[in-house]
């Protein structure tokens, strides 16, 4: 093996690793977060969890990605520790799919039909199709499929290049001497562990081993312990991701490690004990890519069958390693929503967007709750409810800070068109949610001032405010529901109601001035009333901003002023009809 062969090997390795990364990322993007949702929901029993874990990992071609996602689920409280065990075991089985695909490179037959199944035969075709689709299509779904094809072709081409470059290693004494060292089960296992820990992918490290096997220099005595070490090495990614996570997330990562360590120990003890008595003849034979795939799958399936009935023992072992501490009792239920903003989900942007939307929906609900509480204080002041308004405003501020920061991180990832739209809507709307809670605080302070000074509005003024309260309550309900359900029909109802609320505010101000002239109201109460209805008007404005944002993003427009001008034009009979209907519903006494 000369210098140029070495360059070919390194280049092939680079292409192989890049192809695997491109393939996994493209598959995850094409799934649009659906695979992660499946992981989250279909874990009602252990067997189903194993099948789901195997299926999802087989699709995204990475047990590390699946396990890291599970750590994120457990950290966020989405998934219980007991549910995670089956998925982790299934992920180990699913990752063996890659080795079976790569084993096709070892096909050796003169049959034309069989030759078609060799990667060197079909990967160029996949590359041509992928590049052609990528160049001539504008649909994102088609581009995702094309990228998957190209990623697979690059992966297989890197495998072929690497295999060709190392073909002559069988005749290099130094190389065969190193492999003889790996025949020692302990050294071989450590070698596989270190290699997989460095590249953080058991699929990739097994693929490298399969490429070396095609040179004919690797025997089964060297390959078997390396494969065992590779299964342990893949746990490093999950362990790293659990740093800074809560206790249960750390336990989930440890369960992955314990599963592979216990499985490896049992396998090696049984295998080498049998070998001592039966003297397996195949151990000194050159390993094949297909043989590597068989061992890899056999180990993971066998370990799952052996340990699945004892999954509770794995949970207890992890709990003993990471012990419980007294939980905080002052954490409110809403705070749990912020745990969904887990940095581990950033590697699957579609799912990160879904989780961000869940947090934004919680934030919208809190904003609506704060206004309704504040409006209730004007009719009957309650110190506890007033304090709750302050707490909600503080909580919503925290939501805006953390969700906004998280969305900025997500925006730097490779997003689909639909995810980009969702992110734009959330970035625009969370500021309005926060401002709505600020106005709730202002209304609460006005109610508090009236309570402390013993001031009350006249019966006529309270009747007028009651009409405005109903309108504000309804516009908030429609707005938040349209945001939550992404219902554009509901969003179209917000702006007409906002127009009516503006008219109500103007009419109430004019009526108040008349009462002031007749001496039926004091100037002090006039200032408070003006402050309250101004806050109501601002709340309806923010509702309008949210609804218009939903409608604009759906039409790829961002000129709000021009959009509202078109919507409110006299020629828009639908809009004018809705304004008329709302005007008849909210009539001042």
Protein backbone atom coordinates (compact mmCIF):
# COMPACT_ATOMS: atom_id res chain seq x y z
CA UNK A 1 0.00 0.00 0.00
CA UNK A 2 1.69 3.21 -1.19
CA UNK A 3 1.03 6.86 -0.40
CA UNK A 4 -1.60 7.23 -3.11
CA UNK A 5 -3.49 4.20 -1.90
CA UNK A 6 -3.50 5.81 1.54
CA UNK A 7 -4.93 9.02 0.05
CA UNK A 8 -7.64 6.98 -1.69
CA UNK A 9 -8.48 5.25 1.56
CA UNK A 10 -8.75 8.55 3.48
CA UNK A 11 -10.79 10.10 0.68
CA UNK A 12 -13.08 7.10 0.56
CA UNK A 13 -13.50 7.25 4.33
CA UNK A 14 -14.38 10.95 4.12
CA UNK A 15 -16.97 10.30 1.41
CA UNK A 16 -18.35 7.35 3.36
CA UNK A 17 -18.83 9.39 6.54
CA UNK A 18 -20.24 12.37 4.64
CA UNK A 19 -22.62 10.14 2.70
CA UNK A 20 -23.88 8.61 5.94
CA UNK A 21 -24.38 12.07 7.46
CA UNK A 22 -26.14 13.37 4.32
CA UNK A 23 -28.36 10.29 4.11
CA UNK A 24 -29.38 10.45 7.78
CA UNK A 25 -30.07 14.19 7.72
CA UNK A 26 -32.07 13.93 4.48
CA UNK A 27 -34.17 11.07 5.80
CA UNK A 28 -34.85 12.96 9.04
CA UNK A 29 -35.80 16.10 7.10
CA UNK A 30 -38.04 14.16 4.72
CA UNK A 31 -39.89 12.68 7.69
CA UNK A 32 -40.88 16.19 8.78
CA UNK A 33 -40.79 15.29 12.48
CA UNK A 34 -43.21 12.38 11.98
CA UNK A 35 -40.67 9.75 13.06
CA UNK A 36 -40.01 11.62 16.30
CA UNK A 37 -43.75 11.88 16.92
CA UNK A 38 -44.04 8.13 16.40
CA UNK A 39 -41.27 7.58 18.96
CA UNK A 40 -43.08 9.86 21.37
CA UNK A 41 -46.50 8.18 21.14
CA UNK A 42 -46.19 4.51 20.18
CA UNK A 43 -44.53 3.22 23.33
CA UNK A 44 -47.50 1.79 25.23
CA UNK A 45 -45.82 -1.61 25.73
CA UNK A 46 -42.25 -2.89 25.69
CA UNK A 47 -42.50 -4.98 22.52
CA UNK A 48 -44.09 -2.15 20.58
CA UNK A 49 -41.39 0.20 21.86
CA UNK A 50 -38.67 -2.17 20.58
CA UNK A 51 -40.30 -2.37 17.15
CA UNK A 52 -40.75 1.40 16.97
CA UNK A 53 -37.15 2.02 18.04
CA UNK A 54 -35.87 -0.46 15.45
CA UNK A 55 -38.08 0.96 12.70
CA UNK A 56 -37.21 4.60 13.29
CA UNK A 57 -33.49 3.87 13.60
CA UNK A 58 -33.59 1.72 10.46
CA UNK A 59 -35.01 4.71 8.59
CA UNK A 60 -32.72 7.45 9.90
CA UNK A 61 -29.71 5.09 9.93
CA UNK A 62 -28.42 6.14 13.34
CA UNK A 63 -28.97 4.53 16.74
CA UNK A 64 -27.08 7.46 18.30
CA UNK A 65 -29.62 9.95 16.89
CA UNK A 66 -32.53 7.86 18.17
CA UNK A 67 -31.00 7.44 21.63
CA UNK A 68 -30.15 11.14 21.90
CA UNK A 69 -33.75 11.92 20.95
CA UNK A 70 -34.98 9.54 23.66
CA UNK A 71 -32.72 11.27 26.21
CA UNK A 72 -34.35 14.53 25.13
CA UNK A 73 -37.84 13.05 25.51
CA UNK A 74 -37.06 11.84 29.03
CA UNK A 75 -35.42 15.15 29.94
CA UNK A 76 -38.51 17.04 28.77
CA UNK A 77 -40.90 14.76 30.61
CA UNK A 78 -42.51 13.60 27.34
CA UNK A 79 -41.49 10.00 27.95
CA UNK A 80 -41.10 7.93 31.11
CA UNK A 81 -37.92 6.05 31.86
CA UNK A 82 -39.70 2.70 31.55
CA UNK A 83 -40.84 3.59 28.01
CA UNK A 84 -37.32 4.53 26.97
CA UNK A 85 -35.84 1.07 27.62
CA UNK A 86 -37.63 -0.67 24.75
CA UNK A 87 -36.83 2.10 22.26
CA UNK A 88 -33.14 2.01 23.19
CA UNK A 89 -33.03 -1.75 22.66
CA UNK A 90 -34.86 -1.41 19.36
CA UNK A 91 -32.46 1.32 18.24
CA UNK A 92 -29.57 -1.13 18.60
CA UNK A 93 -31.38 -3.56 16.29
CA UNK A 94 -32.35 -0.86 13.79
CA UNK A 95 -28.79 0.33 13.37
CA UNK A 96 -27.81 -3.06 11.90
CA UNK A 97 -29.82 -2.24 8.75
CA UNK A 98 -26.86 -0.20 7.50
CA UNK A 99 -24.48 -3.14 7.78
CA UNK A 100 -26.85 -5.31 5.70
CA UNK A 101 -27.02 -2.66 2.97
CA UNK A 102 -23.22 -2.31 2.98
CA UNK A 103 -22.81 -6.09 2.85
CA UNK A 104 -24.15 -5.99 -0.71
CA UNK A 105 -20.69 -4.74 -1.73
CA UNK A 106 -19.39 -8.26 -1.09
CA UNK A 107 -21.68 -9.87 -3.69
CA UNK A 108 -19.58 -11.97 -6.08
CA UNK A 109 -21.43 -13.57 -8.99
CA UNK A 110 -21.35 -13.52 -12.78
CA UNK A 111 -25.16 -13.41 -12.95
CA UNK A 112 -26.36 -10.14 -14.48
CA UNK A 113 -29.39 -9.96 -12.18
CA UNK A 114 -27.32 -10.53 -9.02
CA UNK A 115 -24.71 -8.01 -10.21
CA UNK A 116 -27.48 -5.39 -10.35
CA UNK A 117 -27.76 -5.64 -6.56
CA UNK A 118 -24.13 -4.60 -6.08
CA UNK A 119 -23.76 -0.98 -4.88
CA UNK A 120 -21.22 -0.32 -7.63
CA UNK A 121 -24.01 -1.10 -10.12
CA UNK A 122 -27.01 0.74 -8.72
CA UNK A 123 -25.41 3.64 -6.80
CA UNK A 124 -24.34 5.49 -10.00
CA UNK A 125 -27.93 5.24 -11.24
CA UNK A 126 -29.19 6.64 -7.93
CA UNK A 127 -26.65 9.46 -8.13
CA UNK A 128 -27.72 10.39 -11.69
CA UNK A 129 -31.41 10.35 -10.77
CA UNK A 130 -30.77 12.34 -7.59
CA UNK A 131 -28.72 15.05 -9.31
CA UNK A 132 -31.22 15.32 -12.18
CA UNK A 133 -34.15 15.74 -9.79
CA UNK A 134 -32.21 18.24 -7.67
CA UNK A 135 -31.39 20.35 -10.74
CA UNK A 136 -34.80 20.42 -12.36
CA UNK A 137 -37.34 20.35 -9.51
CA UNK A 138 -38.56 23.14 -7.28
CA UNK A 139 -40.68 21.05 -4.93
CA UNK A 140 -39.04 20.60 -1.56
CA UNK A 141 -40.37 17.05 -1.13
CA UNK A 142 -38.72 16.00 -4.40
CA UNK A 143 -35.48 17.71 -3.37
CA UNK A 144 -35.47 15.74 -0.12
CA UNK A 145 -35.87 12.47 -2.01
CA UNK A 146 -33.10 13.49 -4.42
CA UNK A 147 -30.76 14.29 -1.53
CA UNK A 148 -31.48 10.88 -0.01
CA UNK A 149 -30.49 9.20 -3.29
CA UNK A 150 -27.32 11.29 -3.58
CA UNK A 151 -26.40 10.64 0.06
CA UNK A 152 -26.78 6.90 -0.46
CA UNK A 153 -24.71 7.03 -3.65
CA UNK A 154 -21.93 9.00 -1.93
CA UNK A 155 -22.01 6.54 0.96
CA UNK A 156 -21.65 3.51 -1.33
CA UNK A 157 -19.03 5.21 -3.53
CA UNK A 158 -16.98 6.01 -0.43
CA UNK A 159 -17.32 2.37 0.65
CA UNK A 160 -16.12 1.13 -2.74
CA UNK A 161 -13.20 3.59 -2.81
CA UNK A 162 -12.15 2.66 0.71
CA UNK A 163 -12.40 -1.06 -0.04
CA UNK A 164 -10.34 -0.72 -3.22
CA UNK A 165 -7.64 1.27 -1.44
CA UNK A 166 -7.16 -1.28 1.36
CA UNK A 167 -7.26 -4.29 -0.94
CA UNK A 168 -3.51 -4.76 -0.76
CA UNK A 169 -3.32 -4.63 3.03
CA UNK A 170 -3.63 -8.40 3.27
CA UNK A 171 -0.03 -8.63 2.06
CA UNK A 172 1.33 -6.06 4.53
CA UNK A 173 2.83 -7.90 7.57
CA UNK A 174 2.55 -4.86 9.85
CA UNK A 175 -1.19 -4.55 9.22
CA UNK A 176 -1.90 -8.24 9.69
CA UNK A 177 0.19 -8.10 12.87
CA UNK A 178 -2.06 -5.37 14.28
CA UNK A 179 -5.14 -7.42 13.44
CA UNK A 180 -3.63 -10.42 15.20
CA UNK A 181 -3.44 -8.26 18.32
CA UNK A 182 -7.14 -7.47 17.90
CA UNK A 183 -7.83 -11.20 17.98
CA UNK A 184 -7.36 -10.84 21.71
CA UNK A 185 -10.98 -10.25 22.84
CA UNK A 186 -10.07 -7.44 25.25
CA UNK A 187 -7.85 -5.51 22.81
CA UNK A 188 -10.30 -6.02 19.95
CA UNK A 189 -13.20 -4.78 22.03
CA UNK A 190 -11.24 -1.69 23.12
CA UNK A 191 -10.28 -0.96 19.51
CA UNK A 192 -13.93 -1.10 18.38
CA UNK A 193 -15.00 1.00 21.37
CA UNK A 194 -12.43 3.75 20.70
CA UNK A 195 -13.12 3.87 16.94
CA UNK A 196 -16.89 4.19 17.45
CA UNK A 197 -16.50 6.71 20.29
CA UNK A 198 -14.35 8.92 18.03
CA UNK A 199 -16.67 8.93 15.00
CA UNK A 200 -19.80 8.60 17.20
CA UNK A 201 -21.57 6.15 14.90
CA UNK A 202 -21.65 2.37 15.22
CA UNK A 203 -23.09 2.15 11.69
CA UNK A 204 -20.09 4.02 10.30
CA UNK A 205 -17.54 2.04 12.32
CA UNK A 206 -19.13 -1.26 11.26
CA UNK A 207 -19.03 -0.03 7.66
CA UNK A 208 -15.32 0.71 7.99
CA UNK A 209 -14.78 -2.79 9.37
CA UNK A 210 -16.74 -4.25 6.44
CA UNK A 211 -14.56 -2.31 4.01
CA UNK A 212 -11.44 -3.72 5.65
CA UNK A 213 -12.95 -7.21 5.46
CA UNK A 214 -13.17 -6.93 1.68
CA UNK A 215 -9.34 -6.85 1.64
CA UNK A 216 -9.36 -10.39 3.03
CA UNK A 217 -6.99 -9.42 5.84
CA UNK A 218 -9.53 -9.40 8.69
CA UNK A 219 -10.43 -12.75 10.27
CA UNK A 220 -13.50 -13.47 12.35
CA UNK A 221 -11.30 -13.81 15.45
CA UNK A 222 -10.42 -10.11 15.05
CA UNK A 223 -13.82 -8.94 13.80
CA UNK A 224 -16.01 -10.41 16.56
CA UNK A 225 -14.51 -8.52 19.55
CA UNK A 226 -14.27 -5.32 17.48
CA UNK A 227 -18.01 -5.50 16.80
CA UNK A 228 -18.67 -5.97 20.52
CA UNK A 229 -16.62 -2.87 21.30
CA UNK A 230 -18.45 -0.90 18.63
CA UNK A 231 -21.76 -1.53 20.35
CA UNK A 232 -20.39 -0.06 23.58
CA UNK A 233 -18.68 2.85 21.83
CA UNK A 234 -21.93 4.08 20.30
CA UNK A 235 -23.19 4.90 23.83
CA UNK A 236 -20.74 7.82 24.05
CA UNK A 237 -22.99 10.13 22.02
CA UNK A 238 -25.97 9.64 24.35
CA UNK A 239 -23.76 10.01 27.44
CA UNK A 240 -22.40 13.31 26.13
CA UNK A 241 -25.93 14.55 25.33
CA UNK A 242 -27.06 13.80 28.89
CA UNK A 243 -24.54 16.24 30.38
CA UNK A 244 -26.53 19.06 31.94
CA UNK A 245 -29.81 17.14 31.65
CA UNK A 246 -32.03 16.08 34.52
CA UNK A 247 -31.58 12.84 36.45
CA UNK A 248 -33.97 10.75 34.37
CA UNK A 249 -32.26 11.80 31.15
CA UNK A 250 -28.90 10.73 32.59
CA UNK A 251 -30.50 7.43 33.56
CA UNK A 252 -31.78 6.90 30.01
CA UNK A 253 -28.24 7.35 28.64
CA UNK A 254 -26.88 4.98 31.29
CA UNK A 255 -29.49 2.35 30.41
CA UNK A 256 -28.15 2.40 26.85
CA UNK A 257 -24.63 1.88 28.20
CA UNK A 258 -25.64 -0.85 30.64
CA UNK A 259 -27.64 -2.69 27.98
CA UNK A 260 -24.62 -2.87 25.68
CA UNK A 261 -22.10 -3.67 28.43
CA UNK A 262 -24.22 -6.48 29.91
CA UNK A 263 -25.04 -7.83 26.45
CA UNK A 264 -21.37 -7.75 25.44
CA UNK A 265 -20.19 -9.48 28.62
CA UNK A 266 -22.81 -12.24 28.29
CA UNK A 267 -22.08 -12.72 24.59
CA UNK A 268 -18.32 -12.85 25.00
CA UNK A 269 -18.43 -15.21 27.98
CA UNK A 270 -20.81 -17.60 26.21
CA UNK A 271 -19.15 -17.32 22.80
CA UNK A 272 -15.55 -17.78 23.93
CA UNK A 273 -16.50 -20.54 26.39
CA UNK A 274 -18.14 -22.47 23.55
CA UNK A 275 -15.15 -21.72 21.32
CA UNK A 276 -12.82 -23.18 23.96
CA UNK A 277 -14.70 -26.48 23.87
CA UNK A 278 -15.91 -26.63 20.26
CA UNK A 279 -13.05 -24.74 18.57
CA UNK A 280 -15.02 -22.83 15.93
CA UNK A 281 -13.19 -23.40 12.64
CA UNK A 282 -14.48 -20.20 11.02
CA UNK A 283 -12.59 -17.99 13.48
CA UNK A 284 -9.39 -18.08 11.44
CA UNK A 285 -11.15 -17.57 8.12
CA UNK A 286 -11.28 -14.13 6.43
CA UNK A 287 -14.41 -12.28 7.52
CA UNK A 288 -16.90 -11.19 4.89
CA UNK A 289 -19.11 -8.10 4.85
CA UNK A 290 -22.15 -10.36 5.05
CA UNK A 291 -20.67 -12.21 8.03
CA UNK A 292 -20.10 -8.89 9.85
CA UNK A 293 -23.77 -7.99 9.26
CA UNK A 294 -24.90 -11.36 10.62
CA UNK A 295 -22.79 -11.00 13.80
CA UNK A 296 -23.87 -7.40 14.29
CA UNK A 297 -27.59 -8.23 13.96
CA UNK A 298 -27.30 -11.49 15.88
CA UNK A 299 -25.71 -9.80 18.87
CA UNK A 300 -28.24 -6.97 19.10
CA UNK A 301 -31.29 -9.16 18.54
CA UNK A 302 -29.98 -11.75 21.03
CA UNK A 303 -29.19 -9.09 23.64
CA UNK A 304 -32.68 -7.61 23.27
CA UNK A 305 -34.37 -11.02 23.64
CA UNK A 306 -32.22 -11.72 26.70
CA UNK A 307 -32.60 -8.37 28.48
CA UNK A 308 -36.09 -7.17 27.50
CA UNK A 309 -37.78 -9.28 30.22
CA UNK A 310 -35.39 -7.67 32.71
CA UNK A 311 -35.94 -4.09 31.53
CA UNK A 312 -37.06 -3.04 35.03
CA UNK A 313 -33.71 -4.25 36.35
CA UNK A 314 -31.95 -1.88 33.89
CA UNK A 315 -34.16 0.97 35.13
CA UNK A 316 -33.34 0.15 38.78
CA UNK A 317 -29.63 -0.11 37.97
CA UNK A 318 -29.70 3.33 36.33
CA UNK A 319 -31.64 4.73 39.30
CA UNK A 320 -29.10 3.31 41.71
CA UNK A 321 -26.30 4.95 39.73
CA UNK A 322 -28.04 8.34 39.58
CA UNK A 323 -29.89 8.62 42.86
CA UNK A 324 -32.93 10.74 43.59
CA UNK A 325 -32.72 14.06 45.34
CA UNK A 326 -35.56 16.01 46.94
CA UNK A 327 -37.65 17.53 44.15
CA UNK A 328 -38.59 21.19 44.15
CA UNK A 329 -42.16 21.58 45.31
CA UNK A 330 -42.58 25.17 44.14
CA UNK A 331 -42.38 24.49 40.41
CA UNK A 332 -45.69 25.29 38.75
CA UNK A 333 -47.15 23.00 36.07
CA UNK A 334 -46.74 25.58 33.29
CA UNK A 335 -42.96 25.59 33.75
CA UNK A 336 -42.87 22.02 32.48
CA UNK A 337 -43.65 23.37 29.00
CA UNK A 338 -40.28 25.11 28.85
CA UNK A 339 -38.57 21.75 29.29
CA UNK A 340 -39.77 20.89 25.78
CA UNK A 341 -37.18 23.35 24.44
CA UNK A 342 -34.44 20.75 24.66
CA UNK A 343 -31.22 21.45 22.75
CA UNK A 344 -31.07 17.76 21.71
CA UNK A 345 -34.08 18.33 19.46
CA UNK A 346 -32.15 20.90 17.41
CA UNK A 347 -30.57 18.04 15.45
CA UNK A 348 -34.07 17.23 14.14
CA UNK A 349 -35.36 20.73 13.34
CA UNK A 350 -38.88 19.61 12.34
CA UNK A 351 -39.44 18.12 15.77
CA UNK A 352 -37.86 21.15 17.45
CA UNK A 353 -40.39 23.34 15.60
CA UNK A 354 -43.24 21.09 16.79
CA UNK A 355 -42.06 21.37 20.40
CA UNK A 356 -41.64 25.14 20.05
CA UNK A 357 -45.22 25.36 18.79
CA UNK A 358 -46.41 23.47 21.88
CA UNK A 359 -44.62 26.00 24.09
CA UNK A 360 -46.02 28.92 22.06
CA UNK A 361 -49.54 27.50 22.45
CA UNK A 362 -49.00 27.31 26.22
CA UNK A 363 -47.78 30.90 26.15
CA UNK A 364 -50.88 31.98 24.21
CA UNK A 365 -53.12 30.29 26.78
CA UNK A 366 -51.35 32.06 29.63
CA UNK A 367 -51.73 35.44 27.91
CA UNK A 368 -55.47 34.86 27.39
CA UNK A 369 -55.83 33.76 31.02
CA UNK A 370 -54.04 36.88 32.29
CA UNK A 371 -56.39 39.28 30.45
CA UNK A 372 -59.53 37.45 31.56
CA UNK A 373 -58.32 37.53 35.17
CA UNK A 374 -57.48 41.23 34.94
CA UNK A 375 -60.89 42.14 33.44
CA UNK A 376 -62.61 40.25 36.24
CA UNK A 377 -60.84 42.45 38.81
CA UNK A 378 -62.74 45.52 37.58
CA UNK A 379 -66.07 43.99 38.57
CA UNK A 380 -64.84 42.40 41.82
CA UNK A 381 -61.33 42.97 43.10
CA UNK A 382 -59.53 39.92 44.52
CA UNK A 383 -55.98 40.22 45.89
CA UNK A 384 -55.11 36.60 45.06
CA UNK A 385 -56.26 36.97 41.46
CA UNK A 386 -54.36 40.25 41.19
CA UNK A 387 -51.20 38.48 42.36
CA UNK A 388 -51.87 35.72 39.83
CA UNK A 389 -51.90 38.32 37.03
CA UNK A 390 -48.42 39.47 38.11
CA UNK A 391 -47.18 35.88 38.25
CA UNK A 392 -48.53 35.17 34.77
CA UNK A 393 -46.87 38.29 33.35
CA UNK A 394 -43.52 37.24 34.84
CA UNK A 395 -43.96 33.70 33.55
CA UNK A 396 -44.84 34.91 30.04
CA UNK A 397 -41.74 37.12 30.01
CA UNK A 398 -39.68 34.03 30.75
CA UNK A 399 -41.45 32.13 27.99
CA UNK A 400 -40.66 34.89 25.50
CA UNK A 401 -36.97 34.95 26.45
CA UNK A 402 -36.42 31.20 26.33
CA UNK A 403 -38.65 30.46 23.34
CA UNK A 404 -37.23 33.37 21.35
CA UNK A 405 -33.65 32.22 22.00
CA UNK A 406 -34.55 28.64 21.08
CA UNK A 407 -36.23 29.69 17.82
CA UNK A 408 -33.14 31.69 16.84
CA UNK A 409 -31.07 28.52 17.29
CA UNK A 410 -33.57 26.48 15.24
CA UNK A 411 -33.52 29.12 12.47
CA UNK A 412 -29.83 28.39 11.83
CA UNK A 413 -30.68 24.77 10.92
CA UNK A 414 -31.72 23.42 7.54
CA UNK A 415 -35.50 23.90 7.65
CA UNK A 416 -38.23 22.83 5.27
CA UNK A 417 -40.48 25.50 3.76
CA UNK A 418 -43.35 24.59 6.07
CA UNK A 419 -41.09 24.70 9.15
CA UNK A 420 -39.73 28.08 8.05
CA UNK A 421 -43.29 29.41 7.88
CA UNK A 422 -44.10 28.05 11.34
CA UNK A 423 -40.92 29.57 12.78
CA UNK A 424 -41.72 32.98 11.21
CA UNK A 425 -45.22 32.95 12.71
CA UNK A 426 -43.92 32.09 16.17
CA UNK A 427 -41.15 34.70 16.10
CA UNK A 428 -43.72 37.35 15.16
CA UNK A 429 -46.42 36.25 17.62
CA UNK A 430 -44.58 35.61 20.87
CA UNK A 431 -43.87 39.33 21.22
CA UNK A 432 -47.60 40.04 20.93
CA UNK A 433 -48.38 37.41 23.58
CA UNK A 434 -45.91 39.09 25.91
CA UNK A 435 -47.38 42.56 25.27
CA UNK A 436 -50.91 41.25 25.94
CA UNK A 437 -49.76 40.11 29.39
CA UNK A 438 -48.23 43.57 29.96
CA UNK A 439 -51.63 45.15 29.26
CA UNK A 440 -53.22 42.67 31.68
CA UNK A 441 -50.85 43.97 34.34
CA UNK A 442 -51.81 47.57 33.49
CA UNK A 443 -55.52 46.72 33.82
CA UNK A 444 -54.83 44.99 37.14
CA UNK A 445 -53.03 48.11 38.41
CA UNK A 446 -56.01 50.28 37.41
CA UNK A 447 -58.39 47.93 39.26
CA UNK A 448 -56.06 47.94 42.27
CA UNK A 449 -55.98 51.75 42.32
CA UNK A 450 -59.79 51.90 42.27
CA UNK A 451 -59.99 49.34 45.08
CA UNK A 452 -57.48 51.17 47.28
CA UNK A 453 -59.19 54.55 46.75
CA UNK A 454 -62.70 53.15 47.06
CA UNK A 455 -63.66 54.35 43.58
CA UNK A 456 -66.40 52.76 41.47
CA UNK A 457 -67.71 53.39 37.98
CA UNK A 458 -71.30 54.35 37.46
CA UNK A 459 -73.78 51.63 36.54
CA UNK A 460 -73.93 53.01 32.99
CA UNK A 461 -70.14 52.94 32.62
CA UNK A 462 -69.97 49.37 33.96
CA UNK A 463 -72.65 48.25 31.49
CA UNK A 464 -70.62 49.76 28.65
CA UNK A 465 -67.43 48.11 29.91
CA UNK A 466 -69.25 44.77 30.11
CA UNK A 467 -69.97 44.94 26.37
CA UNK A 468 -66.32 45.75 25.72
CA UNK A 469 -65.27 42.89 28.02
CA UNK A 470 -67.29 40.42 25.96
CA UNK A 471 -65.73 41.70 22.74
CA UNK A 472 -62.20 41.49 24.16
CA UNK A 473 -62.87 38.01 25.56
CA UNK A 474 -64.16 36.83 22.18
CA UNK A 475 -61.35 38.35 20.09
CA UNK A 476 -58.79 36.73 22.40
CA UNK A 477 -60.54 33.37 22.16
CA UNK A 478 -60.75 33.52 18.35
CA UNK A 479 -57.13 34.70 18.01
CA UNK A 480 -55.61 32.11 20.30
CA UNK A 481 -57.66 29.31 18.74
CA UNK A 482 -56.67 30.37 15.22
CA UNK A 483 -53.01 30.36 16.30
CA UNK A 484 -53.28 27.00 18.07
CA UNK A 485 -55.17 25.27 15.25
CA UNK A 486 -53.50 27.28 12.45
CA UNK A 487 -57.06 27.99 11.27
CA UNK A 488 -57.00 30.76 8.66
CA UNK A 489 -60.80 30.98 8.55
CA UNK A 490 -60.80 31.93 12.23
CA UNK A 491 -57.91 34.34 11.65
CA UNK A 492 -60.05 36.15 9.04
CA UNK A 493 -62.64 36.89 11.76
CA UNK A 494 -60.20 38.77 14.02
CA UNK A 495 -59.69 41.96 12.03
CA UNK A 496 -63.43 42.73 11.61
CA UNK A 497 -63.92 42.33 15.38
CA UNK A 498 -60.88 44.54 16.03
CA UNK A 499 -62.54 47.21 13.88
CA UNK A 500 -65.70 46.99 16.00
CA UNK A 501 -63.66 47.18 19.24
CA UNK A 502 -62.01 50.38 18.01
CA UNK A 503 -65.46 51.83 17.37
CA UNK A 504 -66.68 50.74 20.83
CA UNK A 505 -63.66 52.39 22.47
CA UNK A 506 -64.34 55.65 20.64
CA UNK A 507 -68.03 55.58 21.54
CA UNK A 508 -67.31 54.86 25.25
CA UNK A 509 -64.85 57.77 25.39
CA UNK A 510 -67.41 60.12 23.86
CA UNK A 511 -70.12 58.96 26.28
CA UNK A 512 -67.74 59.45 29.20
CA UNK A 513 -67.04 63.03 28.12
CA UNK A 514 -70.79 63.72 28.11
CA UNK A 515 -71.13 62.29 31.64
CA UNK A 516 -68.14 64.36 32.75
CA UNK A 517 -69.79 67.56 31.44
CA UNK A 518 -72.98 66.72 33.31
CA UNK A 519 -71.03 66.06 36.53
CA UNK A 520 -71.99 62.38 36.64
CA UNK A 521 -68.33 61.29 36.72
CA UNK A 522 -65.08 62.57 38.24
CA UNK A 523 -61.95 63.51 36.33
CA UNK A 524 -59.96 60.92 38.32
CA UNK A 525 -62.31 58.12 37.27
CA UNK A 526 -62.16 59.50 33.74
CA UNK A 527 -58.39 59.05 33.62
CA UNK A 528 -58.67 55.49 34.92
CA UNK A 529 -61.42 54.62 32.44
CA UNK A 530 -59.42 56.08 29.57
CA UNK A 531 -56.38 54.06 30.65
CA UNK A 532 -58.41 50.83 30.85
CA UNK A 533 -60.08 51.10 27.44
CA UNK A 534 -56.76 52.15 25.87
CA UNK A 535 -55.26 48.91 27.16
CA UNK A 536 -58.25 47.01 25.75
CA UNK A 537 -57.68 48.64 22.40
CA UNK A 538 -54.00 47.66 22.48
CA UNK A 539 -54.94 44.07 23.30
CA UNK A 540 -57.20 43.93 20.24
CA UNK A 541 -54.37 45.45 18.17
CA UNK A 542 -52.04 42.63 19.23
CA UNK A 543 -54.75 40.10 18.38
CA UNK A 544 -54.93 41.72 14.94
CA UNK A 545 -51.14 41.44 14.59
CA UNK A 546 -51.26 37.71 15.36
CA UNK A 547 -54.11 37.00 12.93
CA UNK A 548 -52.60 39.08 10.14
CA UNK A 549 -49.26 37.33 10.64
CA UNK A 550 -50.94 33.94 10.18
CA UNK A 551 -52.64 35.14 7.00
CA UNK A 552 -49.58 36.91 5.59
CA UNK A 553 -47.20 34.01 6.11
CA UNK A 554 -49.68 31.65 4.44
CA UNK A 555 -49.55 33.92 1.37
CA UNK A 556 -45.81 34.69 1.65
CA UNK A 557 -46.48 38.38 2.24
CA UNK A 558 -44.95 40.59 4.91
CA UNK A 559 -46.28 44.09 4.11
CA UNK A 560 -48.80 44.38 6.93
CA UNK A 561 -49.94 47.92 6.07
CA UNK A 562 -50.73 47.07 2.45
CA UNK A 563 -52.36 43.80 3.49
CA UNK A 564 -54.71 45.56 5.95
CA UNK A 565 -55.56 48.23 3.39
CA UNK A 566 -56.67 45.57 0.92
CA UNK A 567 -58.60 43.70 3.60
CA UNK A 568 -60.47 46.78 4.86
CA UNK A 569 -61.28 48.24 1.44
CA UNK A 570 -64.94 49.02 0.76
CA UNK A 571 -64.85 46.57 -2.13
CA UNK A 572 -64.15 43.68 0.26
CA UNK A 573 -67.79 42.81 0.92
CA UNK A 574 -66.92 39.77 3.01
CA UNK A 575 -64.93 41.92 5.46
CA UNK A 576 -67.62 44.62 5.60
CA UNK A 577 -70.28 41.98 6.19
CA UNK A 578 -68.35 40.56 9.17
CA UNK A 579 -67.92 44.06 10.63
CA UNK A 580 -71.66 44.62 10.35
CA UNK A 581 -72.41 41.27 12.05
CA UNK A 582 -70.08 42.03 14.95
CA UNK A 583 -71.49 45.56 15.30
CA UNK A 584 -74.94 44.09 15.81
CA UNK A 585 -73.63 41.61 18.38
CA UNK A 586 -71.80 44.17 20.56
CA UNK A 587 -74.18 47.10 21.07
CA UNK A 588 -73.67 49.60 23.88
CA UNK A 589 -76.72 50.07 26.12
